[in-house]
Amino acid sequence: MFPTEEPAQPICSAKGCRAEPDYVLVWNNPKLHTPDRRKTWLACGEHREHLGQFLAVRGFLKDTVPFGEWTAQEQQGQQEQQGPEQQGRPDDGSQA
């Protein structure tokens, strides 16, 4: 058997920081990405302002969202993208 690894816990994107994130900084580099593309950095409370300023000065920062709110939105979006059979309701092919 192979040892199982726990899923990686999200951490702050600041160099050397291992704190849990409090915020998601949503950004886009218009020279590299299409307008609808969004990238994310995670930030703890201590590094939110520094990372946000880094992105804002370059015109990249689009939004700052609390981490808990972001993860709830992500989970909801994934459930909406799944069909009924992937949401625990198997489709047996019969018509009701």
PDB file of N, CA and C in Angstrom:
ATOM      1  N   MET A   1       0.839  -1.174   0.000  1.00  0.00           N
ATOM      2  CA  MET A   1       0.000   0.000   0.000  1.00  0.00           C
ATOM      3  C   MET A   1       0.888   1.242   0.000  1.00  0.00           C
ATOM      4  N   PHE A   2       0.369   2.258  -0.634  1.00  0.00           N
ATOM      5  CA  PHE A   2       1.053   3.534  -0.656  1.00  0.00           C
ATOM      6  C   PHE A   2       0.559   4.390   0.494  1.00  0.00           C
ATOM      7  N   PRO A   3       1.448   5.135   1.107  1.00  0.00           N
ATOM      8  CA  PRO A   3       0.977   6.031   2.167  1.00  0.00           C
ATOM      9  C   PRO A   3       0.070   7.099   1.567  1.00  0.00           C
ATOM     10  N   THR A   4      -0.995   7.388   2.273  1.00  0.00           N
ATOM     11  CA  THR A   4      -1.907   8.423   1.783  1.00  0.00           C
ATOM     12  C   THR A   4      -1.477   9.766   2.343  1.00  0.00           C
ATOM     13  N   GLU A   5      -1.558  10.750   1.503  1.00  0.00           N
ATOM     14  CA  GLU A   5      -1.216  12.103   1.927  1.00  0.00           C
ATOM     15  C   GLU A   5      -2.490  12.885   2.149  1.00  0.00           C
ATOM     16  N   GLU A   6      -2.468  13.695   3.175  1.00  0.00           N
ATOM     17  CA  GLU A   6      -3.594  14.587   3.420  1.00  0.00           C
ATOM     18  C   GLU A   6      -3.588  15.650   2.333  1.00  0.00           C
ATOM     19  N   PRO A   7      -4.775  16.130   1.941  1.00  0.00           N
ATOM     20  CA  PRO A   7      -4.783  17.212   0.957  1.00  0.00           C
ATOM     21  C   PRO A   7      -4.039  18.427   1.502  1.00  0.00           C
ATOM     22  N   ALA A   8      -3.334  19.100   0.628  1.00  0.00           N
ATOM     23  CA  ALA A   8      -2.586  20.282   1.041  1.00  0.00           C
ATOM     24  C   ALA A   8      -3.546  21.347   1.559  1.00  0.00           C
ATOM     25  N   GLN A   9      -3.193  21.928   2.682  1.00  0.00           N
ATOM     26  CA  GLN A   9      -3.999  23.005   3.246  1.00  0.00           C
ATOM     27  C   GLN A   9      -3.606  24.306   2.570  1.00  0.00           C
ATOM     28  N   PRO A  10      -4.575  25.140   2.230  1.00  0.00           N
ATOM     29  CA  PRO A  10      -4.233  26.421   1.610  1.00  0.00           C
ATOM     30  C   PRO A  10      -3.448  27.304   2.575  1.00  0.00           C
ATOM     31  N   ILE A  11      -2.470  28.023   2.037  1.00  0.00           N
ATOM     32  CA  ILE A  11      -1.667  28.942   2.846  1.00  0.00           C
ATOM     33  C   ILE A  11      -1.553  30.280   2.125  1.00  0.00           C
ATOM     34  N   CYS A  12      -1.154  31.272   2.854  1.00  0.00           N
ATOM     35  CA  CYS A  12      -0.947  32.621   2.327  1.00  0.00           C
ATOM     36  C   CYS A  12       0.083  32.582   1.195  1.00  0.00           C
ATOM     37  N   SER A  13      -0.143  33.400   0.175  1.00  0.00           N
ATOM     38  CA  SER A  13       0.757  33.445  -0.980  1.00  0.00           C
ATOM     39  C   SER A  13       2.007  34.294  -0.757  1.00  0.00           C
ATOM     40  N   ALA A  14       2.082  35.017   0.353  1.00  0.00           N
ATOM     41  CA  ALA A  14       3.271  35.826   0.633  1.00  0.00           C
ATOM     42  C   ALA A  14       4.475  34.907   0.847  1.00  0.00           C
ATOM     43  N   LYS A  15       5.610  35.319   0.308  1.00  0.00           N
ATOM     44  CA  LYS A  15       6.824  34.511   0.393  1.00  0.00           C
ATOM     45  C   LYS A  15       7.164  34.191   1.845  1.00  0.00           C
ATOM     46  N   GLY A  16       7.324  32.900   2.129  1.00  0.00           N
ATOM     47  CA  GLY A  16       7.724  32.451   3.447  1.00  0.00           C
ATOM     48  C   GLY A  16       6.604  32.360   4.470  1.00  0.00           C
ATOM     49  N   CYS A  17       5.425  32.840   4.148  1.00  0.00           N
ATOM     50  CA  CYS A  17       4.313  32.808   5.104  1.00  0.00           C
ATOM     51  C   CYS A  17       3.595  31.464   5.002  1.00  0.00           C
ATOM     52  N   ARG A  18       3.278  30.887   6.126  1.00  0.00           N
ATOM     53  CA  ARG A  18       2.575  29.604   6.168  1.00  0.00           C
ATOM     54  C   ARG A  18       1.232  29.726   6.887  1.00  0.00           C
ATOM     55  N   ALA A  19       0.759  30.954   7.047  1.00  0.00           N
ATOM     56  CA  ALA A  19      -0.506  31.188   7.752  1.00  0.00           C
ATOM     57  C   ALA A  19      -1.688  30.777   6.876  1.00  0.00           C
ATOM     58  N   GLU A  20      -2.781  30.436   7.537  1.00  0.00           N
ATOM     59  CA  GLU A  20      -4.011  30.128   6.817  1.00  0.00           C
ATOM     60  C   GLU A  20      -4.539  31.408   6.174  1.00  0.00           C
ATOM     61  N   PRO A  21      -5.137  31.299   4.998  1.00  0.00           N
ATOM     62  CA  PRO A  21      -5.626  32.504   4.322  1.00  0.00           C
ATOM     63  C   PRO A  21      -6.919  33.034   4.939  1.00  0.00           C
ATOM     64  N   ASP A  22      -7.036  34.343   4.942  1.00  0.00           N
ATOM     65  CA  ASP A  22      -8.264  35.014   5.353  1.00  0.00           C
ATOM     66  C   ASP A  22      -8.967  35.630   4.152  1.00  0.00           C
ATOM     67  N   TYR A  23      -8.211  35.854   3.069  1.00  0.00           N
ATOM     68  CA  TYR A  23      -8.745  36.544   1.893  1.00  0.00           C
ATOM     69  C   TYR A  23      -8.263  35.874   0.606  1.00  0.00           C
ATOM     70  N   VAL A  24      -9.035  36.084  -0.448  1.00  0.00           N
ATOM     71  CA  VAL A  24      -8.637  35.693  -1.800  1.00  0.00           C
ATOM     72  C   VAL A  24      -8.524  36.976  -2.612  1.00  0.00           C
ATOM     73  N   LEU A  25      -7.355  37.206  -3.188  1.00  0.00           N
ATOM     74  CA  LEU A  25      -7.135  38.354  -4.064  1.00  0.00           C
ATOM     75  C   LEU A  25      -7.312  37.856  -5.498  1.00  0.00           C
ATOM     76  N   VAL A  26      -8.301  38.385  -6.170  1.00  0.00           N
ATOM     77  CA  VAL A  26      -8.631  37.955  -7.523  1.00  0.00           C
ATOM     78  C   VAL A  26      -7.998  38.943  -8.497  1.00  0.00           C
ATOM     79  N   TRP A  27      -7.232  38.439  -9.448  1.00  0.00           N
ATOM     80  CA  TRP A  27      -6.499  39.329 -10.337  1.00  0.00           C
ATOM     81  C   TRP A  27      -6.434  38.795 -11.755  1.00  0.00           C
ATOM     82  N   ASN A  28      -5.943  39.660 -12.650  1.00  0.00           N
ATOM     83  CA  ASN A  28      -5.819  39.336 -14.058  1.00  0.00           C
ATOM     84  C   ASN A  28      -4.749  40.246 -14.656  1.00  0.00           C
ATOM     85  N   ASN A  29      -3.840  39.675 -15.407  1.00  0.00           N
ATOM     86  CA  ASN A  29      -2.848  40.465 -16.138  1.00  0.00           C
ATOM     87  C   ASN A  29      -3.362  40.618 -17.567  1.00  0.00           C
ATOM     88  N   PRO A  30      -3.869  41.801 -17.934  1.00  0.00           N
ATOM     89  CA  PRO A  30      -4.479  41.969 -19.253  1.00  0.00           C
ATOM     90  C   PRO A  30      -3.519  41.762 -20.425  1.00  0.00           C
ATOM     91  N   LYS A  31      -2.221  41.825 -20.176  1.00  0.00           N
ATOM     92  CA  LYS A  31      -1.258  41.582 -21.255  1.00  0.00           C
ATOM     93  C   LYS A  31      -1.106  40.090 -21.549  1.00  0.00           C
ATOM     94  N   LEU A  32      -1.473  39.255 -20.576  1.00  0.00           N
ATOM     95  CA  LEU A  32      -1.312  37.809 -20.731  1.00  0.00           C
ATOM     96  C   LEU A  32      -2.623  37.038 -20.797  1.00  0.00           C
ATOM     97  N   HIS A  33      -3.661  37.539 -20.143  1.00  0.00           N
ATOM     98  CA  HIS A  33      -4.899  36.782 -19.979  1.00  0.00           C
ATOM     99  C   HIS A  33      -6.073  37.447 -20.687  1.00  0.00           C
ATOM    100  N   THR A  34      -7.029  36.631 -21.098  1.00  0.00           N
ATOM    101  CA  THR A  34      -8.265  37.171 -21.654  1.00  0.00           C
ATOM    102  C   THR A  34      -9.013  37.893 -20.535  1.00  0.00           C
ATOM    103  N   PRO A  35      -9.891  38.850 -20.864  1.00  0.00           N
ATOM    104  CA  PRO A  35     -10.573  39.637 -19.825  1.00  0.00           C
ATOM    105  C   PRO A  35     -11.371  38.813 -18.817  1.00  0.00           C
ATOM    106  N   ASP A  36     -11.884  37.654 -19.227  1.00  0.00           N
ATOM    107  CA  ASP A  36     -12.687  36.848 -18.307  1.00  0.00           C
ATOM    108  C   ASP A  36     -11.848  35.913 -17.434  1.00  0.00           C
ATOM    109  N   ARG A  37     -10.566  35.782 -17.715  1.00  0.00           N
ATOM    110  CA  ARG A  37      -9.687  34.904 -16.931  1.00  0.00           C
ATOM    111  C   ARG A  37      -9.392  35.533 -15.583  1.00  0.00           C
ATOM    112  N   ARG A  38      -9.466  34.750 -14.524  1.00  0.00           N
ATOM    113  CA  ARG A  38      -9.160  35.233 -13.181  1.00  0.00           C
ATOM    114  C   ARG A  38      -8.157  34.306 -12.516  1.00  0.00           C
ATOM    115  N   LYS A  39      -7.130  34.906 -11.933  1.00  0.00           N
ATOM    116  CA  LYS A  39      -6.127  34.197 -11.151  1.00  0.00           C
ATOM    117  C   LYS A  39      -6.356  34.576  -9.695  1.00  0.00           C
ATOM    118  N   THR A  40      -5.831  33.787  -8.777  1.00  0.00           N
ATOM    119  CA  THR A  40      -6.041  34.088  -7.359  1.00  0.00           C
ATOM    120  C   THR A  40      -4.754  33.945  -6.565  1.00  0.00           C
ATOM    121  N   TRP A  41      -4.620  34.809  -5.592  1.00  0.00           N
ATOM    122  CA  TRP A  41      -3.616  34.695  -4.547  1.00  0.00           C
ATOM    123  C   TRP A  41      -4.372  34.619  -3.233  1.00  0.00           C
ATOM    124  N   LEU A  42      -3.831  33.871  -2.303  1.00  0.00           N
ATOM    125  CA  LEU A  42      -4.403  33.789  -0.964  1.00  0.00           C
ATOM    126  C   LEU A  42      -3.601  34.690  -0.037  1.00  0.00           C
ATOM    127  N   ALA A  43      -4.297  35.343   0.893  1.00  0.00           N
ATOM    128  CA  ALA A  43      -3.606  36.260   1.807  1.00  0.00           C
ATOM    129  C   ALA A  43      -4.122  36.099   3.228  1.00  0.00           C
ATOM    130  N   CYS A  44      -3.197  36.078   4.171  1.00  0.00           N
ATOM    131  CA  CYS A  44      -3.570  36.144   5.583  1.00  0.00           C
ATOM    132  C   CYS A  44      -3.852  37.614   5.901  1.00  0.00           C
ATOM    133  N   GLY A  45      -4.377  37.879   7.073  1.00  0.00           N
ATOM    134  CA  GLY A  45      -4.676  39.251   7.455  1.00  0.00           C
ATOM    135  C   GLY A  45      -3.454  40.151   7.446  1.00  0.00           C
ATOM    136  N   GLU A  46      -2.312  39.597   7.813  1.00  0.00           N
ATOM    137  CA  GLU A  46      -1.078  40.382   7.874  1.00  0.00           C
ATOM    138  C   GLU A  46      -0.573  40.800   6.489  1.00  0.00           C
ATOM    139  N   HIS A  47      -0.796  39.972   5.467  1.00  0.00           N
ATOM    140  CA  HIS A  47      -0.238  40.239   4.140  1.00  0.00           C
ATOM    141  C   HIS A  47      -1.262  40.716   3.111  1.00  0.00           C
ATOM    142  N   ARG A  48      -2.513  40.847   3.515  1.00  0.00           N
ATOM    143  CA  ARG A  48      -3.553  41.259   2.564  1.00  0.00           C
ATOM    144  C   ARG A  48      -3.214  42.603   1.903  1.00  0.00           C
ATOM    145  N   GLU A  49      -2.866  43.591   2.699  1.00  0.00           N
ATOM    146  CA  GLU A  49      -2.603  44.925   2.158  1.00  0.00           C
ATOM    147  C   GLU A  49      -1.382  44.915   1.236  1.00  0.00           C
ATOM    148  N   HIS A  50      -0.304  44.280   1.665  1.00  0.00           N
ATOM    149  CA  HIS A  50       0.927  44.242   0.863  1.00  0.00           C
ATOM    150  C   HIS A  50       0.691  43.570  -0.492  1.00  0.00           C
ATOM    151  N   LEU A  51       0.081  42.388  -0.482  1.00  0.00           N
ATOM    152  CA  LEU A  51      -0.166  41.680  -1.739  1.00  0.00           C
ATOM    153  C   LEU A  51      -1.164  42.442  -2.610  1.00  0.00           C
ATOM    154  N   GLY A  52      -2.186  43.014  -1.972  1.00  0.00           N
ATOM    155  CA  GLY A  52      -3.175  43.789  -2.715  1.00  0.00           C
ATOM    156  C   GLY A  52      -2.568  45.005  -3.389  1.00  0.00           C
ATOM    157  N   GLN A  53      -1.677  45.704  -2.675  1.00  0.00           N
ATOM    158  CA  GLN A  53      -1.015  46.875  -3.260  1.00  0.00           C
ATOM    159  C   GLN A  53      -0.118  46.476  -4.428  1.00  0.00           C
ATOM    160  N   PHE A  54       0.582  45.362  -4.283  1.00  0.00           N
ATOM    161  CA  PHE A  54       1.440  44.866  -5.360  1.00  0.00           C
ATOM    162  C   PHE A  54       0.628  44.681  -6.639  1.00  0.00           C
ATOM    163  N   LEU A  55      -0.540  44.059  -6.516  1.00  0.00           N
ATOM    164  CA  LEU A  55      -1.392  43.824  -7.682  1.00  0.00           C
ATOM    165  C   LEU A  55      -2.058  45.108  -8.172  1.00  0.00           C
ATOM    166  N   ALA A  56      -2.514  45.947  -7.239  1.00  0.00           N
ATOM    167  CA  ALA A  56      -3.234  47.173  -7.606  1.00  0.00           C
ATOM    168  C   ALA A  56      -2.341  48.156  -8.360  1.00  0.00           C
ATOM    169  N   VAL A  57      -1.091  48.310  -7.931  1.00  0.00           N
ATOM    170  CA  VAL A  57      -0.160  49.235  -8.585  1.00  0.00           C
ATOM    171  C   VAL A  57       0.013  48.859 -10.058  1.00  0.00           C
ATOM    172  N   ARG A  58      -0.066  47.591 -10.361  1.00  0.00           N
ATOM    173  CA  ARG A  58       0.109  47.106 -11.728  1.00  0.00           C
ATOM    174  C   ARG A  58      -1.211  47.065 -12.503  1.00  0.00           C
ATOM    175  N   GLY A  59      -2.312  47.405 -11.830  1.00  0.00           N
ATOM    176  CA  GLY A  59      -3.625  47.376 -12.470  1.00  0.00           C
ATOM    177  C   GLY A  59      -4.192  45.976 -12.624  1.00  0.00           C
ATOM    178  N   PHE A  60      -3.696  45.033 -11.814  1.00  0.00           N
ATOM    179  CA  PHE A  60      -4.117  43.639 -11.935  1.00  0.00           C
ATOM    180  C   PHE A  60      -5.267  43.273 -10.994  1.00  0.00           C
ATOM    181  N   LEU A  61      -5.357  43.913  -9.840  1.00  0.00           N
ATOM    182  CA  LEU A  61      -6.321  43.513  -8.812  1.00  0.00           C
ATOM    183  C   LEU A  61      -7.748  43.780  -9.276  1.00  0.00           C
ATOM    184  N   LYS A  62      -8.578  42.756  -9.235  1.00  0.00           N
ATOM    185  CA  LYS A  62      -9.978  42.868  -9.644  1.00  0.00           C
ATOM    186  C   LYS A  62     -10.925  42.835  -8.453  1.00  0.00           C
ATOM    187  N   ASP A  63     -10.589  42.054  -7.416  1.00  0.00           N
ATOM    188  CA  ASP A  63     -11.490  41.910  -6.275  1.00  0.00           C
ATOM    189  C   ASP A  63     -10.736  41.297  -5.102  1.00  0.00           C
ATOM    190  N   THR A  64     -11.233  41.561  -3.902  1.00  0.00           N
ATOM    191  CA  THR A  64     -10.741  40.920  -2.684  1.00  0.00           C
ATOM    192  C   THR A  64     -11.953  40.342  -1.979  1.00  0.00           C
ATOM    193  N   VAL A  65     -11.922  39.037  -1.723  1.00  0.00           N
ATOM    194  CA  VAL A  65     -13.069  38.324  -1.171  1.00  0.00           C
ATOM    195  C   VAL A  65     -12.621  37.560   0.073  1.00  0.00           C
ATOM    196  N   PRO A  66     -13.430  37.561   1.146  1.00  0.00           N
ATOM    197  CA  PRO A  66     -13.087  36.728   2.298  1.00  0.00           C
ATOM    198  C   PRO A  66     -12.948  35.258   1.872  1.00  0.00           C
ATOM    199  N   PHE A  67     -11.964  34.573   2.413  1.00  0.00           N
ATOM    200  CA  PHE A  67     -11.663  33.200   2.012  1.00  0.00           C
ATOM    201  C   PHE A  67     -12.872  32.280   2.168  1.00  0.00           C
ATOM    202  N   GLY A  68     -13.576  32.378   3.288  1.00  0.00           N
ATOM    203  CA  GLY A  68     -14.743  31.523   3.515  1.00  0.00           C
ATOM    204  C   GLY A  68     -15.833  31.742   2.483  1.00  0.00           C
ATOM    205  N   GLU A  69     -16.037  32.989   2.106  1.00  0.00           N
ATOM    206  CA  GLU A  69     -17.041  33.308   1.083  1.00  0.00           C
ATOM    207  C   GLU A  69     -16.620  32.738  -0.273  1.00  0.00           C
ATOM    208  N   TRP A  70     -15.336  32.859  -0.594  1.00  0.00           N
ATOM    209  CA  TRP A  70     -14.817  32.361  -1.867  1.00  0.00           C
ATOM    210  C   TRP A  70     -14.974  30.845  -1.968  1.00  0.00           C
ATOM    211  N   THR A  71     -14.608  30.124  -0.906  1.00  0.00           N
ATOM    212  CA  THR A  71     -14.698  28.667  -0.956  1.00  0.00           C
ATOM    213  C   THR A  71     -16.148  28.216  -1.054  1.00  0.00           C
ATOM    214  N   ALA A  72     -17.070  28.927  -0.403  1.00  0.00           N
ATOM    215  CA  ALA A  72     -18.493  28.590  -0.512  1.00  0.00           C
ATOM    216  C   ALA A  72     -18.974  28.797  -1.947  1.00  0.00           C
ATOM    217  N   GLN A  73     -18.538  29.880  -2.592  1.00  0.00           N
ATOM    218  CA  GLN A  73     -18.912  30.144  -3.983  1.00  0.00           C
ATOM    219  C   GLN A  73     -18.335  29.077  -4.912  1.00  0.00           C
ATOM    220  N   GLU A  74     -17.102  28.662  -4.654  1.00  0.00           N
ATOM    221  CA  GLU A  74     -16.459  27.638  -5.476  1.00  0.00           C
ATOM    222  C   GLU A  74     -17.212  26.316  -5.374  1.00  0.00           C
ATOM    223  N   GLN A  75     -17.593  25.926  -4.159  1.00  0.00           N
ATOM    224  CA  GLN A  75     -18.323  24.677  -3.968  1.00  0.00           C
ATOM    225  C   GLN A  75     -19.675  24.733  -4.657  1.00  0.00           C
ATOM    226  N   GLN A  76     -20.354  25.854  -4.558  1.00  0.00           N
ATOM    227  CA  GLN A  76     -21.652  26.008  -5.202  1.00  0.00           C
ATOM    228  C   GLN A  76     -21.500  25.928  -6.720  1.00  0.00           C
ATOM    229  N   GLY A  77     -20.483  26.576  -7.256  1.00  0.00           N
ATOM    230  CA  GLY A  77     -20.240  26.548  -8.692  1.00  0.00           C
ATOM    231  C   GLY A  77     -19.934  25.152  -9.202  1.00  0.00           C
ATOM    232  N   GLN A  78     -19.183  24.369  -8.437  1.00  0.00           N
ATOM    233  CA  GLN A  78     -18.865  23.005  -8.837  1.00  0.00           C
ATOM    234  C   GLN A  78     -20.115  22.140  -8.842  1.00  0.00           C
ATOM    235  N   GLN A  79     -20.990  22.314  -7.868  1.00  0.00           N
ATOM    236  CA  GLN A  79     -22.220  21.533  -7.814  1.00  0.00           C
ATOM    237  C   GLN A  79     -23.139  21.878  -8.977  1.00  0.00           C
ATOM    238  N   GLU A  80     -23.183  23.150  -9.364  1.00  0.00           N
ATOM    239  CA  GLU A  80     -24.029  23.566 -10.476  1.00  0.00           C
ATOM    240  C   GLU A  80     -23.516  23.023 -11.800  1.00  0.00           C
ATOM    241  N   GLN A  81     -22.207  22.810 -11.920  1.00  0.00           N
ATOM    242  CA  GLN A  81     -21.624  22.303 -13.158  1.00  0.00           C
ATOM    243  C   GLN A  81     -21.816  20.801 -13.303  1.00  0.00           C
ATOM    244  N   GLN A  82     -22.035  20.101 -12.202  1.00  0.00           N
ATOM    245  CA  GLN A  82     -22.200  18.657 -12.244  1.00  0.00           C
ATOM    246  C   GLN A  82     -23.624  18.315 -12.665  1.00  0.00           C
ATOM    247  N   GLY A  83     -23.753  17.235 -13.402  1.00  0.00           N
ATOM    248  CA  GLY A  83     -25.077  16.747 -13.775  1.00  0.00           C
ATOM    249  C   GLY A  83     -25.712  16.015 -12.608  1.00  0.00           C
ATOM    250  N   PRO A  84     -26.982  15.619 -12.720  1.00  0.00           N
ATOM    251  CA  PRO A  84     -27.677  14.942 -11.618  1.00  0.00           C
ATOM    252  C   PRO A  84     -26.983  13.666 -11.164  1.00  0.00           C
ATOM    253  N   GLU A  85     -26.385  12.904 -12.098  1.00  0.00           N
ATOM    254  CA  GLU A  85     -25.726  11.662 -11.702  1.00  0.00           C
ATOM    255  C   GLU A  85     -24.483  11.922 -10.873  1.00  0.00           C
ATOM    256  N   GLN A  86     -23.872  13.086 -11.023  1.00  0.00           N
ATOM    257  CA  GLN A  86     -22.684  13.415 -10.251  1.00  0.00           C
ATOM    258  C   GLN A  86     -23.037  14.029  -8.907  1.00  0.00           C
ATOM    259  N   GLN A  87     -24.282  14.383  -8.703  1.00  0.00           N
ATOM    260  CA  GLN A  87     -24.698  14.982  -7.446  1.00  0.00           C
ATOM    261  C   GLN A  87     -25.371  13.960  -6.546  1.00  0.00           C
ATOM    262  N   GLY A  88     -25.153  12.682  -6.812  1.00  0.00           N
ATOM    263  CA  GLY A  88     -25.709  11.660  -5.940  1.00  0.00           C
ATOM    264  C   GLY A  88     -27.104  11.219  -6.338  1.00  0.00           C
ATOM    265  N   ARG A  89     -27.560  11.625  -7.507  1.00  0.00           N
ATOM    266  CA  ARG A  89     -28.861  11.189  -8.003  1.00  0.00           C
ATOM    267  C   ARG A  89     -28.625  10.448  -9.311  1.00  0.00           C
ATOM    268  N   PRO A  90     -28.411   9.143  -9.240  1.00  0.00           N
ATOM    269  CA  PRO A  90     -28.104   8.410 -10.460  1.00  0.00           C
ATOM    270  C   PRO A  90     -29.266   8.468 -11.447  1.00  0.00           C
ATOM    271  N   ASP A  91     -28.906   8.602 -12.704  1.00  0.00           N
ATOM    272  CA  ASP A  91     -29.896   8.610 -13.764  1.00  0.00           C
ATOM    273  C   ASP A  91     -30.003   7.186 -14.285  1.00  0.00           C
ATOM    274  N   ASP A  92     -31.130   6.531 -13.999  1.00  0.00           N
ATOM    275  CA  ASP A  92     -31.285   5.136 -14.403  1.00  0.00           C
ATOM    276  C   ASP A  92     -31.821   4.992 -15.824  1.00  0.00           C
ATOM    277  N   GLY A  93     -32.025   6.114 -16.498  1.00  0.00           N
ATOM    278  CA  GLY A  93     -32.484   6.063 -17.874  1.00  0.00           C
ATOM    279  C   GLY A  93     -33.989   5.962 -18.020  1.00  0.00           C
ATOM    280  N   SER A  94     -34.704   5.746 -16.935  1.00  0.00           N
ATOM    281  CA  SER A  94     -36.160   5.651 -17.024  1.00  0.00           C
ATOM    282  C   SER A  94     -36.766   7.034 -17.068  1.00  0.00           C
ATOM    283  N   GLN A  95     -37.932   7.129 -17.636  1.00  0.00           N
ATOM    284  CA  GLN A  95     -38.622   8.403 -17.713  1.00  0.00           C
ATOM    285  C   GLN A  95     -39.739   8.414 -16.698  1.00  0.00           C
ATOM    286  N   ALA A  96     -39.811   9.464 -15.923  1.00  0.00           N
ATOM    287  CA  ALA A  96     -40.836   9.558 -14.879  1.00  0.00           C
ATOM    288  C   ALA A  96     -42.126  10.099 -15.435  1.00  0.00           C
TER     289      ALA A  96
END
